[in-house]
C-alpha atoms as a PDB file:
ATOM      1  CA  UNK A   1      -0.619 -81.318 -20.827  1.00  0.00           C
ATOM      2  CA  UNK A   2       0.776 -79.376 -17.912  1.00  0.00           C
ATOM      3  CA  UNK A   3       3.272 -77.759 -20.288  1.00  0.00           C
ATOM      4  CA  UNK A   4       0.427 -76.556 -22.541  1.00  0.00           C
ATOM      5  CA  UNK A   5      -1.445 -75.196 -19.528  1.00  0.00           C
ATOM      6  CA  UNK A   6       1.669 -73.293 -18.397  1.00  0.00           C
ATOM      7  CA  UNK A   7       2.123 -71.762 -21.861  1.00  0.00           C
ATOM      8  CA  UNK A   8      -1.515 -70.693 -21.941  1.00  0.00           C
ATOM      9  CA  UNK A   9      -1.140 -69.039 -18.511  1.00  0.00           C
ATOM     10  CA  UNK A  10       1.972 -67.152 -19.644  1.00  0.00           C
ATOM     11  CA  UNK A  11       0.194 -66.076 -22.842  1.00  0.00           C
ATOM     12  CA  UNK A  12      -2.840 -64.863 -20.851  1.00  0.00           C
ATOM     13  CA  UNK A  13      -0.616 -62.981 -18.415  1.00  0.00           C
ATOM     14  CA  UNK A  14       1.108 -61.239 -21.317  1.00  0.00           C
ATOM     15  CA  UNK A  15      -2.253 -60.104 -22.734  1.00  0.00           C
ATOM     16  CA  UNK A  16      -3.286 -58.759 -19.345  1.00  0.00           C
ATOM     17  CA  UNK A  17      -0.005 -56.846 -18.939  1.00  0.00           C
ATOM     18  CA  UNK A  18      -0.369 -55.353 -22.417  1.00  0.00           C
ATOM     19  CA  UNK A  19      -3.921 -54.256 -21.694  1.00  0.00           C
ATOM     20  CA  UNK A  20      -2.751 -52.809 -18.397  1.00  0.00           C
ATOM     21  CA  UNK A  21      -0.069 -50.757 -20.144  1.00  0.00           C
ATOM     22  CA  UNK A  22      -2.605 -49.453 -22.668  1.00  0.00           C
ATOM     23  CA  UNK A  23      -4.906 -48.472 -19.809  1.00  0.00           C
ATOM     24  CA  UNK A  24      -2.070 -46.783 -17.928  1.00  0.00           C
ATOM     25  CA  UNK A  25      -1.118 -44.802 -21.028  1.00  0.00           C
ATOM     26  CA  UNK A  26      -4.682 -43.618 -21.406  1.00  0.00           C
ATOM     27  CA  UNK A  27      -4.841 -42.417 -17.782  1.00  0.00           C
ATOM     28  CA  UNK A  28      -1.526 -40.559 -18.034  1.00  0.00           C
ATOM     29  CA  UNK A  29      -2.499 -38.809 -21.264  1.00  0.00           C
ATOM     30  CA  UNK A  30      -5.820 -37.819 -19.795  1.00  0.00           C
ATOM     31  CA  UNK A  31      -4.062 -36.382 -16.724  1.00  0.00           C
ATOM     32  CA  UNK A  32      -1.778 -34.207 -18.830  1.00  0.00           C
ATOM     33  CA  UNK A  33      -4.636 -32.801 -20.878  1.00  0.00           C
ATOM     34  CA  UNK A  34      -6.405 -31.738 -17.702  1.00  0.00           C
ATOM     35  CA  UNK A  35      -3.321 -30.320 -16.018  1.00  0.00           C
ATOM     36  CA  UNK A  36      -2.974 -26.701 -15.070  1.00  0.00           C
ATOM     37  CA  UNK A  37      -0.068 -24.542 -14.001  1.00  0.00           C
ATOM     38  CA  UNK A  38      -0.567 -21.625 -11.626  1.00  0.00           C
ATOM     39  CA  UNK A  39       1.949 -18.798 -11.723  1.00  0.00           C
ATOM     40  CA  UNK A  40       2.300 -15.466  -9.968  1.00  0.00           C
ATOM     41  CA  UNK A  41       3.441 -12.598 -12.163  1.00  0.00           C
ATOM     42  CA  UNK A  42       4.450  -9.126 -11.040  1.00  0.00           C
ATOM     43  CA  UNK A  43       5.233  -5.698 -12.461  1.00  0.00           C
ATOM     44  CA  UNK A  44       6.255  -2.407 -10.916  1.00  0.00           C
ATOM     45  CA  UNK A  45       6.873   1.216 -11.753  1.00  0.00           C
ATOM     46  CA  UNK A  46       8.610   3.982  -9.844  1.00  0.00           C
ATOM     47  CA  UNK A  47       6.529   7.160  -9.779  1.00  0.00           C
ATOM     48  CA  UNK A  48       6.786  10.659  -8.344  1.00  0.00           C
ATOM     49  CA  UNK A  49       3.883  12.076  -6.346  1.00  0.00           C
ATOM     50  CA  UNK A  50       2.130  15.021  -7.969  1.00  0.00           C
ATOM     51  CA  UNK A  51       0.430  16.529  -4.914  1.00  0.00           C
ATOM     52  CA  UNK A  52       1.207  17.009  -1.255  1.00  0.00           C
ATOM     53  CA  UNK A  53      -0.688  17.863   1.918  1.00  0.00           C
ATOM     54  CA  UNK A  54       0.592  19.083   5.266  1.00  0.00           C
ATOM     55  CA  UNK A  55      -1.376  19.301   8.521  1.00  0.00           C
ATOM     56  CA  UNK A  56      -0.174  21.373  11.443  1.00  0.00           C
ATOM     57  CA  UNK A  57      -1.738  23.282  14.305  1.00  0.00           C
ATOM     58  CA  UNK A  58      -1.160  26.153  16.670  1.00  0.00           C
ATOM     59  CA  UNK A  59      -1.271  24.853  20.232  1.00  0.00           C
ATOM     60  CA  UNK A  60      -1.737  27.470  22.930  1.00  0.00           C
ATOM     61  CA  UNK A  61      -2.217  27.081  26.673  1.00  0.00           C
ATOM     62  CA  UNK A  62      -2.820  30.192  28.803  1.00  0.00           C
ATOM     63  CA  UNK A  63      -4.314  30.904  32.229  1.00  0.00           C
ATOM     64  CA  UNK A  64      -7.617  32.126  30.742  1.00  0.00           C
ATOM     65  CA  UNK A  65      -9.682  31.421  27.651  1.00  0.00           C
ATOM     66  CA  UNK A  66      -9.489  35.076  26.597  1.00  0.00           C
ATOM     67  CA  UNK A  67      -5.702  35.075  26.756  1.00  0.00           C
ATOM     68  CA  UNK A  68      -5.482  31.821  24.805  1.00  0.00           C
ATOM     69  CA  UNK A  69      -7.650  33.223  21.988  1.00  0.00           C
ATOM     70  CA  UNK A  70      -5.714  36.495  21.838  1.00  0.00           C
ATOM     71  CA  UNK A  71      -2.382  34.651  21.574  1.00  0.00           C
ATOM     72  CA  UNK A  72      -3.799  32.249  18.987  1.00  0.00           C
ATOM     73  CA  UNK A  73      -5.040  35.125  16.796  1.00  0.00           C
ATOM     74  CA  UNK A  74      -1.618  36.753  16.769  1.00  0.00           C
ATOM     75  CA  UNK A  75       0.010  33.438  15.890  1.00  0.00           C
ATOM     76  CA  UNK A  76      -2.498  32.792  13.092  1.00  0.00           C
ATOM     77  CA  UNK A  77      -1.427  36.084  11.483  1.00  0.00           C
ATOM     78  CA  UNK A  78       2.204  34.983  11.832  1.00  0.00           C
ATOM     79  CA  UNK A  79       1.459  31.656  10.115  1.00  0.00           C
ATOM     80  CA  UNK A  80      -0.552  33.268   7.296  1.00  0.00           C
ATOM     81  CA  UNK A  81       2.300  35.659   6.547  1.00  0.00           C
ATOM     82  CA  UNK A  82       4.736  32.748   6.466  1.00  0.00           C
ATOM     83  CA  UNK A  83       2.531  30.815   4.025  1.00  0.00           C
ATOM     84  CA  UNK A  84       2.105  33.844   1.767  1.00  0.00           C
ATOM     85  CA  UNK A  85       5.858  34.474   1.741  1.00  0.00           C
ATOM     86  CA  UNK A  86       6.349  30.853   0.644  1.00  0.00           C
ATOM     87  CA  UNK A  87       3.777  30.997  -2.192  1.00  0.00           C
ATOM     88  CA  UNK A  88       1.249  28.751  -0.444  1.00  0.00           C
ATOM     89  CA  UNK A  89      -2.176  29.849  -1.646  1.00  0.00           C
ATOM     90  CA  UNK A  90      -4.185  26.704  -0.883  1.00  0.00           C
ATOM     91  CA  UNK A  91      -4.698  26.351   2.827  1.00  0.00           C
ATOM     92  CA  UNK A  92      -7.592  25.769   5.176  1.00  0.00           C
ATOM     93  CA  UNK A  93      -8.033  27.054   8.699  1.00  0.00           C
ATOM     94  CA  UNK A  94     -10.158  24.397  10.353  1.00  0.00           C
ATOM     95  CA  UNK A  95     -12.493  24.623  13.338  1.00  0.00           C
ATOM     96  CA  UNK A  96     -10.725  25.602  16.517  1.00  0.00           C
ATOM     97  CA  UNK A  97     -10.782  23.178  19.441  1.00  0.00           C
ATOM     98  CA  UNK A  98     -10.377  24.167  23.065  1.00  0.00           C
ATOM     99  CA  UNK A  99     -10.858  22.893  26.603  1.00  0.00           C
ATOM    100  CA  UNK A 100     -10.257  23.830  30.223  1.00  0.00           C
ATOM    101  CA  UNK A 101      -7.566  22.205  32.308  1.00  0.00           C
ATOM    102  CA  UNK A 102      -8.461  21.659  35.967  1.00  0.00           C
ATOM    103  CA  UNK A 103      -6.228  21.686  38.986  1.00  0.00           C
ATOM    104  CA  UNK A 104      -5.436  18.350  40.563  1.00  0.00           C
ATOM    105  CA  UNK A 105      -5.846  17.374  44.196  1.00  0.00           C
ATOM    106  CA  UNK A 106      -2.619  15.517  44.836  1.00  0.00           C
ATOM    107  CA  UNK A 107      -3.947  14.091  48.110  1.00  0.00           C
ATOM    108  CA  UNK A 108      -6.700  12.152  46.357  1.00  0.00           C
ATOM    109  CA  UNK A 109      -5.206  11.993  42.866  1.00  0.00           C
ATOM    110  CA  UNK A 110      -8.391  13.388  41.332  1.00  0.00           C
ATOM    111  CA  UNK A 111      -9.193  16.683  39.651  1.00  0.00           C
ATOM    112  CA  UNK A 112     -10.914  19.608  41.317  1.00  0.00           C
ATOM    113  CA  UNK A 113     -13.447  22.054  39.864  1.00  0.00           C
ATOM    114  CA  UNK A 114     -10.871  24.847  39.948  1.00  0.00           C
ATOM    115  CA  UNK A 115      -9.645  25.925  36.500  1.00  0.00           C
ATOM    116  CA  UNK A 116      -5.873  25.832  36.013  1.00  0.00           C
ATOM    117  CA  UNK A 117      -5.644  26.971  32.372  1.00  0.00           C
ATOM    118  CA  UNK A 118      -7.259  26.864  28.955  1.00  0.00           C
ATOM    119  CA  UNK A 119      -5.801  24.986  25.953  1.00  0.00           C
ATOM    120  CA  UNK A 120      -6.622  25.880  22.369  1.00  0.00           C
ATOM    121  CA  UNK A 121      -5.776  24.069  19.119  1.00  0.00           C
ATOM    122  CA  UNK A 122      -6.094  25.761  15.744  1.00  0.00           C
ATOM    123  CA  UNK A 123      -5.571  23.221  12.904  1.00  0.00           C
ATOM    124  CA  UNK A 124      -4.316  24.163   9.442  1.00  0.00           C
ATOM    125  CA  UNK A 125      -4.126  22.138   6.226  1.00  0.00           C
ATOM    126  CA  UNK A 126      -2.059  23.220   3.254  1.00  0.00           C
ATOM    127  CA  UNK A 127      -1.875  21.532  -0.146  1.00  0.00           C
ATOM    128  CA  UNK A 128       0.095  22.033  -3.335  1.00  0.00           C
ATOM    129  CA  UNK A 129       0.988  20.293  -6.575  1.00  0.00           C
ATOM    130  CA  UNK A 130       4.559  21.377  -5.846  1.00  0.00           C
ATOM    131  CA  UNK A 131       5.577  18.447  -3.668  1.00  0.00           C
ATOM    132  CA  UNK A 132       9.057  19.791  -3.113  1.00  0.00           C
ATOM    133  CA  UNK A 133       7.526  22.950  -1.677  1.00  0.00           C
ATOM    134  CA  UNK A 134       5.382  20.915   0.713  1.00  0.00           C
ATOM    135  CA  UNK A 135       8.500  19.056   1.807  1.00  0.00           C
ATOM    136  CA  UNK A 136      10.328  22.343   2.378  1.00  0.00           C
ATOM    137  CA  UNK A 137       7.445  23.799   4.392  1.00  0.00           C
ATOM    138  CA  UNK A 138       7.221  20.672   6.565  1.00  0.00           C
ATOM    139  CA  UNK A 139      10.886  21.063   7.481  1.00  0.00           C
ATOM    140  CA  UNK A 140      10.998  24.860   7.804  1.00  0.00           C
ATOM    141  CA  UNK A 141       7.710  25.871   9.399  1.00  0.00           C
ATOM    142  CA  UNK A 142       8.880  24.790  12.845  1.00  0.00           C
ATOM    143  CA  UNK A 143      11.200  27.784  12.582  1.00  0.00           C
ATOM    144  CA  UNK A 144       8.158  29.872  13.568  1.00  0.00           C
ATOM    145  CA  UNK A 145       8.747  28.584  17.089  1.00  0.00           C
ATOM    146  CA  UNK A 146      11.691  30.977  17.240  1.00  0.00           C
ATOM    147  CA  UNK A 147       9.225  33.785  16.473  1.00  0.00           C
ATOM    148  CA  UNK A 148       6.975  32.805  19.354  1.00  0.00           C
ATOM    149  CA  UNK A 149       4.558  30.410  17.628  1.00  0.00           C
ATOM    150  CA  UNK A 150       3.395  27.342  19.518  1.00  0.00           C
ATOM    151  CA  UNK A 151       3.211  25.046  16.497  1.00  0.00           C
ATOM    152  CA  UNK A 152       2.858  21.266  16.090  1.00  0.00           C
ATOM    153  CA  UNK A 153       3.606  19.828  12.636  1.00  0.00           C
ATOM    154  CA  UNK A 154       2.364  16.454  11.346  1.00  0.00           C
ATOM    155  CA  UNK A 155       4.095  14.289   8.737  1.00  0.00           C
ATOM    156  CA  UNK A 156       3.307  15.447   5.174  1.00  0.00           C
ATOM    157  CA  UNK A 157       1.258  13.230   2.852  1.00  0.00           C
ATOM    158  CA  UNK A 158       2.131  12.733  -0.828  1.00  0.00           C
ATOM    159  CA  UNK A 159      -0.227  11.299  -3.449  1.00  0.00           C
ATOM    160  CA  UNK A 160      -0.265  10.389  -7.152  1.00  0.00           C
ATOM    161  CA  UNK A 161      -3.396  11.419  -9.076  1.00  0.00           C
ATOM    162  CA  UNK A 162      -2.976   8.933 -11.962  1.00  0.00           C
ATOM    163  CA  UNK A 163      -2.797   5.863  -9.734  1.00  0.00           C
ATOM    164  CA  UNK A 164      -6.026   4.214 -11.045  1.00  0.00           C
ATOM    165  CA  UNK A 165      -4.751   4.249 -14.644  1.00  0.00           C
ATOM    166  CA  UNK A 166      -1.329   3.019 -13.543  1.00  0.00           C
ATOM    167  CA  UNK A 167      -2.858   0.086 -11.660  1.00  0.00           C
ATOM    168  CA  UNK A 168      -4.664  -1.103 -14.818  1.00  0.00           C
ATOM    169  CA  UNK A 169      -1.471  -0.914 -16.882  1.00  0.00           C
ATOM    170  CA  UNK A 170       0.573  -2.743 -14.236  1.00  0.00           C
ATOM    171  CA  UNK A 171      -1.981  -5.546 -13.967  1.00  0.00           C
ATOM    172  CA  UNK A 172      -1.654  -6.124 -17.708  1.00  0.00           C
ATOM    173  CA  UNK A 173       2.134  -6.291 -17.384  1.00  0.00           C
ATOM    174  CA  UNK A 174       1.888  -8.606 -14.379  1.00  0.00           C
ATOM    175  CA  UNK A 175      -0.316 -11.010 -16.384  1.00  0.00           C
ATOM    176  CA  UNK A 176       2.211 -11.016 -19.235  1.00  0.00           C
ATOM    177  CA  UNK A 177       4.955 -11.717 -16.717  1.00  0.00           C
ATOM    178  CA  UNK A 178       2.970 -14.682 -15.389  1.00  0.00           C
ATOM    179  CA  UNK A 179       2.725 -16.124 -18.918  1.00  0.00           C
ATOM    180  CA  UNK A 180       6.490 -15.737 -19.431  1.00  0.00           C
ATOM    181  CA  UNK A 181       7.181 -17.500 -16.149  1.00  0.00           C
ATOM    182  CA  UNK A 182       4.803 -20.334 -17.010  1.00  0.00           C
ATOM    183  CA  UNK A 183       6.485 -20.770 -20.418  1.00  0.00           C
ATOM    184  CA  UNK A 184       9.914 -20.942 -18.794  1.00  0.00           C
ATOM    185  CA  UNK A 185       8.737 -23.495 -16.215  1.00  0.00           C
ATOM    186  CA  UNK A 186       7.147 -25.766 -18.827  1.00  0.00           C
ATOM    187  CA  UNK A 187      10.011 -25.615 -21.321  1.00  0.00           C
ATOM    188  CA  UNK A 188      12.069 -28.445 -19.714  1.00  0.00           C
ATOM    189  CA  UNK A 189       8.967 -30.703 -19.746  1.00  0.00           C
ATOM    190  CA  UNK A 190       8.353 -30.127 -23.485  1.00  0.00           C
ATOM    191  CA  UNK A 191       4.863 -28.834 -22.722  1.00  0.00           C
ATOM    192  CA  UNK A 192       3.377 -25.524 -23.721  1.00  0.00           C
ATOM    193  CA  UNK A 193       1.219 -22.899 -22.062  1.00  0.00           C
ATOM    194  CA  UNK A 194      -2.421 -23.230 -23.006  1.00  0.00           C
ATOM    195  CA  UNK A 195      -5.446 -21.034 -22.474  1.00  0.00           C
ATOM    196  CA  UNK A 196      -5.970 -19.004 -19.329  1.00  0.00           C
ATOM    197  CA  UNK A 197      -8.124 -20.901 -16.837  1.00  0.00           C
ATOM    198  CA  UNK A 198      -8.399 -18.242 -14.154  1.00  0.00           C
ATOM    199  CA  UNK A 199      -6.942 -14.877 -13.184  1.00  0.00           C
ATOM    200  CA  UNK A 200      -6.883 -13.374  -9.720  1.00  0.00           C
ATOM    201  CA  UNK A 201      -5.653  -9.892  -8.943  1.00  0.00           C
ATOM    202  CA  UNK A 202      -3.318  -9.575  -5.989  1.00  0.00           C
ATOM    203  CA  UNK A 203      -3.049  -6.588  -3.665  1.00  0.00           C
ATOM    204  CA  UNK A 204      -1.013  -3.550  -4.654  1.00  0.00           C
ATOM    205  CA  UNK A 205       2.113  -2.606  -2.737  1.00  0.00           C
ATOM    206  CA  UNK A 206       2.819   1.134  -2.826  1.00  0.00           C
ATOM    207  CA  UNK A 207       6.078   1.553  -0.940  1.00  0.00           C
ATOM    208  CA  UNK A 208       9.143   3.771  -0.705  1.00  0.00           C
ATOM    209  CA  UNK A 209      11.460   3.038  -3.632  1.00  0.00           C
ATOM    210  CA  UNK A 210      14.073   1.171  -1.579  1.00  0.00           C
ATOM    211  CA  UNK A 211      11.588  -0.753   0.573  1.00  0.00           C
ATOM    212  CA  UNK A 212      11.142  -4.529   0.388  1.00  0.00           C
ATOM    213  CA  UNK A 213       8.129  -4.611   2.693  1.00  0.00           C
ATOM    214  CA  UNK A 214       4.964  -6.420   1.615  1.00  0.00           C
ATOM    215  CA  UNK A 215       1.624  -6.996   3.297  1.00  0.00           C
ATOM    216  CA  UNK A 216      -1.255  -9.390   2.683  1.00  0.00           C
ATOM    217  CA  UNK A 217      -3.560  -6.383   2.985  1.00  0.00           C
ATOM    218  CA  UNK A 218      -1.434  -4.240   0.666  1.00  0.00           C
ATOM    219  CA  UNK A 219       0.614  -1.136   1.472  1.00  0.00           C
ATOM    220  CA  UNK A 220      -0.247   2.448   0.581  1.00  0.00           C
ATOM    221  CA  UNK A 221       2.710   4.670   1.390  1.00  0.00           C
ATOM    222  CA  UNK A 222       1.976   8.401   1.483  1.00  0.00           C
ATOM    223  CA  UNK A 223       5.077   9.455   3.412  1.00  0.00           C
ATOM    224  CA  UNK A 224       7.484   9.676   0.462  1.00  0.00           C
ATOM    225  CA  UNK A 225       7.495  11.683  -2.747  1.00  0.00           C
ATOM    226  CA  UNK A 226       9.102   8.962  -4.878  1.00  0.00           C
ATOM    227  CA  UNK A 227       7.544   5.539  -4.463  1.00  0.00           C
ATOM    228  CA  UNK A 228       7.289   2.146  -6.109  1.00  0.00           C
ATOM    229  CA  UNK A 229       3.936   0.711  -7.208  1.00  0.00           C
ATOM    230  CA  UNK A 230       3.909  -3.086  -7.539  1.00  0.00           C
ATOM    231  CA  UNK A 231       1.077  -5.172  -8.973  1.00  0.00           C
ATOM    232  CA  UNK A 232       0.645  -8.941  -8.682  1.00  0.00           C
ATOM    233  CA  UNK A 233      -1.485 -11.265 -10.816  1.00  0.00           C
ATOM    234  CA  UNK A 234      -2.113 -14.945 -10.015  1.00  0.00           C
ATOM    235  CA  UNK A 235      -2.862 -16.744 -13.294  1.00  0.00           C
ATOM    236  CA  UNK A 236      -3.696 -20.406 -13.990  1.00  0.00           C
ATOM    237  CA  UNK A 237      -2.974 -21.742 -17.496  1.00  0.00           C
ATOM    238  CA  UNK A 238      -3.881 -24.981 -19.193  1.00  0.00           C
ATOM    239  CA  UNK A 239      -0.981 -27.192 -20.215  1.00  0.00           C
ATOM    240  CA  UNK A 240      -0.693 -28.411 -23.823  1.00  0.00           C
END
């Protein structure tokens, strides 16, 4: 009797184990069908800027306001001749800025009401589609100092007018790259890439060609003529 009871217990245990395996198989299959794979794809293109801008200013300090303006006017003529000789036709003479400098009382460390001099700043902005010319001007215009010009030159800025269209094209390539990466990752598991579940655009990195810098906020380099535009797409795929 005990032997029969033992056989029945073993038989019952076997049924339970079999049912458990069937249940486990169902759970695993269900998990695979709901699985997703998230991949980051990227694409880049090296471009050449098609416009450039250069800001500089005449900076004059003289004992009186009248003297400062007279010197500035003569230097403006010098700058305009230089620009004309270098085929720069697009330039803007911006609003002049000026202020008085006051003598200091070195006993107290404060300033007095006595005027020491007058400083005047005359800003200029030049622009051209010839970026190499803008680069040349930015390097050469300081030579006017040798002709008596008090000139301060800023770093030139270079831009690419077709950037919006390029960004769209690069995002498409970045998404394709994400799909290729997902396919390669799933190949060893004998699974396939399914439908796209979600797509998120990453920030663009516009950097000098040889730069490896990245930023969570994105980079927009305007200091170089040749630059690299990189797009990133974060894509989630279903797994088949």
